[in-house]
Amino acid sequence: MSPAAAPRPAPQPVHEGAAVRLRDAAKTYRNGAVEVPALRGISLDIPYHRFSMVIGASGSGKSTLLNLIGCIDAPTGGSVEVCGEKVARLDDDGLADFRAKNIGFIFQTFSLIPVLSAYENVEYPLVLVGTPEAERRRRTTQLLEAVGLAEHAQRRPNELSGGQRQRVAIARALVKAPQVVLADEPTANLDSATGQSIIELMRRVQAESRTTFVFATHDPQLMSQADEIFVIRDGTLVEQRHGRSGA
């Protein structure tokens, strides 16, 4: 089923500057006594209200970069600023609160809660931040309608197709009207036709809600929609190029 209308969570205000700013950001993991560098001093700016891609081979550091932007992981060097907040200033509780209010996530494995219905999965982020029930119901219903799943609201993930599950995941990421949505290989487990419909949905959402989308991807279909592309190799930024907007 094609969505009836694009989601309209409150449009983001027009911002100046960058939604994401990294300066010499590095991340090194320890494996016993061995240090494994995942990112080696990356500096980049991702503007607000864009559809941006991080690309590179497996193991290049794409997912690590998204984890830093998403405040899931902390850099071992350099600085990370998201939506004007220097995240190193925040303690664990502050990070969790900032992430809950400002960042949405979409994963290639969907990461839905299997015992919850589609409706409950989309509603769940609003429960976590204490949104009143009436507002939760309004937003959740609106997003399910927007992604074309209103008729499947009471189905659990195992009763939905892969494309439908990813639509639920998109609705869940958007329901709290985040400033930034991070998507790690969101089309990797979908056939090409379903993947294309998901890409069109996300692009329309980005245009209408003015949310900033940042992807880690190998998918040429998705890359063809990019406003800008950041190429990562062996933990370093080796190229930045403009996409279809030409900005």
Protein backbone atom coordinates (compact mmCIF):
# COMPACT_ATOMS: atom_id res chain seq x y z
CA MET A 1 0.00 0.00 0.00
CA SER A 2 1.34 3.43 -0.85
CA PRO A 3 1.16 6.07 1.86
CA ALA A 4 -1.75 8.47 1.60
CA ALA A 5 0.24 11.50 2.68
CA ALA A 6 3.66 12.41 3.92
CA PRO A 7 4.12 12.55 7.69
CA ARG A 8 3.74 16.01 9.14
CA PRO A 9 5.34 16.04 12.55
CA ALA A 10 5.93 19.66 13.48
CA PRO A 11 8.29 20.99 10.80
CA GLN A 12 11.72 21.82 12.11
CA PRO A 13 12.58 25.52 12.31
CA VAL A 14 15.02 26.86 9.77
CA HIS A 15 18.50 26.76 11.30
CA GLU A 16 21.78 28.27 10.31
CA GLY A 17 25.00 26.32 10.55
CA ALA A 18 25.37 22.58 10.84
CA ALA A 19 23.14 19.91 12.35
CA VAL A 20 26.29 17.82 12.85
CA ARG A 21 29.83 19.13 13.26
CA LEU A 22 32.83 16.87 13.84
CA ARG A 23 36.34 18.16 14.42
CA ASP A 24 39.19 15.64 14.37
CA ALA A 25 36.78 13.02 15.75
CA ALA A 26 38.50 9.73 16.49
CA LYS A 27 37.36 6.45 17.96
CA THR A 28 39.64 3.63 19.07
CA TYR A 29 38.35 0.38 20.50
CA ARG A 30 40.33 -1.97 22.74
CA ASN A 31 40.43 -5.70 22.13
CA GLY A 32 42.36 -6.90 25.14
CA ALA A 33 45.75 -5.20 24.91
CA VAL A 34 45.23 -4.37 21.24
CA GLU A 35 43.95 -0.95 20.15
CA VAL A 36 41.76 -0.95 17.04
CA PRO A 37 41.25 2.47 15.42
CA ALA A 38 37.80 2.79 13.86
CA LEU A 39 37.87 6.52 13.07
CA ARG A 40 41.07 8.50 12.59
CA GLY A 41 40.41 12.20 13.04
CA ILE A 42 37.37 13.02 10.89
CA SER A 43 36.21 16.62 10.41
CA LEU A 44 32.94 17.37 8.61
CA ASP A 45 29.81 19.50 8.70
CA ILE A 46 26.34 18.19 7.84
CA PRO A 47 23.86 21.05 7.22
CA TYR A 48 20.37 21.12 8.69
CA HIS A 49 17.41 19.88 6.63
CA ARG A 50 19.48 17.64 4.34
CA PHE A 51 19.54 14.08 3.01
CA SER A 52 23.18 13.15 3.56
CA MET A 53 25.02 9.88 2.96
CA VAL A 54 28.09 8.33 4.54
CA ILE A 55 29.47 5.65 2.23
CA GLY A 56 32.39 3.26 2.28
CA ALA A 57 33.33 -0.40 2.33
CA SER A 58 32.37 -2.68 5.22
CA GLY A 59 34.64 -1.91 8.15
CA SER A 60 35.42 1.60 6.92
CA GLY A 61 33.90 3.25 10.00
CA LYS A 62 30.44 4.27 8.75
CA SER A 63 28.48 2.73 11.61
CA THR A 64 30.97 4.02 14.17
CA LEU A 65 30.49 7.52 12.77
CA LEU A 66 26.71 7.21 13.10
CA ASN A 67 27.13 5.96 16.68
CA LEU A 68 29.12 9.09 17.56
CA ILE A 69 26.53 11.37 15.95
CA GLY A 70 23.75 9.46 17.71
CA CYS A 71 25.43 9.82 21.12
CA ILE A 72 25.50 6.04 21.45
CA ASP A 73 29.28 6.08 21.67
CA ALA A 74 31.81 8.74 22.71
CA PRO A 75 34.87 9.77 20.72
CA THR A 76 38.31 9.01 22.08
CA GLY A 77 39.61 12.19 20.44
CA GLY A 78 38.31 15.38 18.90
CA SER A 79 34.82 16.81 19.29
CA VAL A 80 31.27 16.00 18.23
CA GLU A 81 28.54 18.66 18.11
CA VAL A 82 24.92 17.75 17.30
CA CYS A 83 22.16 20.33 16.93
CA GLY A 84 24.41 22.94 18.51
CA GLU A 85 25.19 20.79 21.56
CA LYS A 86 28.78 19.78 22.32
CA VAL A 87 27.88 16.33 23.51
CA ALA A 88 31.08 15.82 25.55
CA ARG A 89 29.63 18.30 28.05
CA LEU A 90 26.73 15.98 28.87
CA ASP A 91 26.76 13.27 31.52
CA ASP A 92 25.10 9.89 30.89
CA ASP A 93 21.65 11.11 31.93
CA GLY A 94 22.06 14.27 29.88
CA LEU A 95 23.10 12.27 26.83
CA ALA A 96 20.12 9.93 27.18
CA ASP A 97 17.74 12.88 27.47
CA PHE A 98 19.33 14.73 24.54
CA ARG A 99 19.21 11.59 22.37
CA ALA A 100 15.58 10.88 23.28
CA LYS A 101 14.46 14.39 22.36
CA ASN A 102 16.57 15.13 19.30
CA ILE A 103 17.62 11.95 17.48
CA GLY A 104 15.67 9.20 15.73
CA PHE A 105 17.14 5.88 14.55
CA ILE A 106 16.32 3.54 11.65
CA PHE A 107 18.18 0.21 11.38
CA GLN A 108 18.57 -2.34 8.60
CA THR A 109 17.21 -5.06 10.91
CA PHE A 110 14.20 -2.86 11.81
CA SER A 111 14.80 -3.43 15.57
CA LEU A 112 11.11 -3.49 16.40
CA ILE A 113 9.89 -4.93 19.69
CA PRO A 114 8.34 -8.28 18.66
CA VAL A 115 5.70 -8.47 21.42
CA LEU A 116 4.32 -5.01 20.61
CA SER A 117 1.93 -4.11 17.80
CA ALA A 118 2.89 -1.69 15.05
CA TYR A 119 0.96 1.01 16.92
CA GLU A 120 2.72 0.26 20.20
CA ASN A 121 6.15 0.21 18.55
CA VAL A 122 5.58 3.66 17.07
CA GLU A 123 4.12 5.00 20.31
CA TYR A 124 6.93 3.66 22.50
CA PRO A 125 9.42 6.58 22.14
CA LEU A 126 6.66 8.95 23.28
CA VAL A 127 6.00 6.77 26.33
CA LEU A 128 9.70 7.00 27.23
CA VAL A 129 9.68 10.80 27.23
CA GLY A 130 6.42 11.08 29.15
CA THR A 131 4.16 12.42 26.38
CA PRO A 132 0.52 12.60 27.52
CA GLU A 133 -1.72 9.81 26.24
CA ALA A 134 -3.92 11.95 24.00
CA GLU A 135 -0.89 13.46 22.27
CA ARG A 136 0.69 10.01 21.92
CA ARG A 137 -2.46 8.74 20.26
CA ARG A 138 -2.62 11.71 17.89
CA ARG A 139 1.00 11.50 16.79
CA THR A 140 1.10 7.72 16.51
CA THR A 141 -2.08 7.55 14.44
CA GLN A 142 -0.88 10.37 12.20
CA LEU A 143 2.45 8.68 11.48
CA LEU A 144 0.93 5.25 10.83
CA GLU A 145 -1.50 6.83 8.38
CA ALA A 146 1.33 8.72 6.73
CA VAL A 147 3.41 5.59 6.11
CA GLY A 148 0.38 3.69 4.82
CA LEU A 149 -0.06 1.30 7.74
CA ALA A 150 -3.17 2.55 9.52
CA GLU A 151 -4.99 -0.67 8.62
CA HIS A 152 -2.15 -2.76 10.12
CA ALA A 153 -1.78 -0.84 13.38
CA GLN A 154 -2.61 -3.83 15.59
CA ARG A 155 -0.38 -6.31 13.80
CA ARG A 156 2.86 -7.45 15.39
CA PRO A 157 6.14 -7.30 13.45
CA ASN A 158 6.06 -11.00 12.52
CA GLU A 159 2.72 -10.38 10.78
CA LEU A 160 4.19 -7.67 8.53
CA SER A 161 6.39 -7.81 5.45
CA GLY A 162 9.94 -6.46 5.50
CA GLY A 163 8.86 -3.26 3.79
CA GLN A 164 5.99 -2.78 6.22
CA ARG A 165 8.29 -3.32 9.19
CA GLN A 166 10.67 -0.69 7.85
CA ARG A 167 7.73 1.71 7.46
CA VAL A 168 6.91 1.10 11.14
CA ALA A 169 10.56 1.81 11.98
CA ILE A 170 10.44 5.08 10.01
CA ALA A 171 7.23 6.13 11.78
CA ARG A 172 8.80 5.28 15.14
CA ALA A 173 11.90 7.36 14.32
CA LEU A 174 9.76 10.36 13.33
CA VAL A 175 7.02 10.27 15.94
CA LYS A 176 8.87 12.49 18.42
CA ALA A 177 9.74 15.03 15.66
CA PRO A 178 13.53 14.70 16.05
CA GLN A 179 15.92 17.19 14.53
CA VAL A 180 18.17 14.41 13.19
CA VAL A 181 17.32 10.90 11.95
CA LEU A 182 20.18 8.41 11.59
CA ALA A 183 19.64 5.44 9.30
CA ASP A 184 22.15 2.55 9.14
CA GLU A 185 21.67 0.61 5.88
CA PRO A 186 17.87 1.05 6.02
CA THR A 187 17.26 -0.65 2.65
CA ALA A 188 19.79 -3.48 2.96
CA ASN A 189 17.25 -6.20 3.80
CA LEU A 190 14.65 -5.11 1.23
CA ASP A 191 14.17 -6.04 -2.41
CA SER A 192 14.85 -3.26 -4.89
CA ALA A 193 11.21 -2.29 -5.48
CA THR A 194 10.41 -2.15 -1.77
CA GLY A 195 13.67 -0.33 -1.11
CA GLN A 196 12.77 2.30 -3.69
CA SER A 197 9.36 2.89 -2.09
CA ILE A 198 11.04 3.28 1.31
CA ILE A 199 13.56 5.76 -0.14
CA GLU A 200 10.76 7.80 -1.72
CA LEU A 201 8.91 7.84 1.60
CA MET A 202 11.97 9.02 3.54
CA ARG A 203 12.80 11.67 0.93
CA ARG A 204 9.26 13.03 1.07
CA VAL A 205 9.33 13.04 4.87
CA GLN A 206 12.63 14.93 4.83
CA ALA A 207 11.32 17.52 2.40
CA GLU A 208 8.07 18.16 4.27
CA SER A 209 9.18 17.90 7.91
CA ARG A 210 12.64 19.43 7.22
CA THR A 211 14.29 16.78 9.37
CA THR A 212 17.98 16.13 8.80
CA PHE A 213 18.59 12.56 7.58
CA VAL A 214 22.05 10.99 7.79
CA PHE A 215 22.55 7.54 6.24
CA ALA A 216 25.26 4.93 6.25
CA THR A 217 24.66 2.97 3.07
CA HIS A 218 25.93 0.91 0.15
CA ASP A 219 22.68 1.29 -1.80
CA PRO A 220 23.07 3.10 -5.17
CA GLN A 221 19.31 3.83 -5.21
CA LEU A 222 19.63 5.66 -1.91
CA MET A 223 22.87 7.43 -2.88
CA SER A 224 21.17 8.82 -5.98
CA GLN A 225 18.94 10.89 -3.66
CA ALA A 226 21.79 12.41 -1.63
CA ASP A 227 22.23 16.13 -1.08
CA GLU A 228 25.84 15.40 -0.16
CA ILE A 229 27.99 12.31 0.14
CA PHE A 230 30.87 11.70 2.56
CA VAL A 231 33.22 8.89 1.55
CA ILE A 232 34.94 7.06 4.41
CA ARG A 233 37.93 4.75 3.93
CA ASP A 234 39.83 3.04 6.74
CA GLY A 235 38.41 5.45 9.29
CA THR A 236 39.26 8.63 7.39
CA LEU A 237 37.21 11.02 5.28
CA VAL A 238 38.68 10.77 1.80
CA GLU A 239 36.08 12.65 -0.25
CA GLN A 240 33.07 14.91 0.10
CA ARG A 241 30.88 15.61 -2.89
CA HIS A 242 27.59 17.32 -3.54
CA GLY A 243 24.62 15.29 -4.66
CA ARG A 244 21.48 16.13 -6.52
CA SER A 245 20.85 19.50 -4.87
CA GLY A 246 24.20 20.81 -6.11
CA ALA A 247 24.41 23.07 -3.07
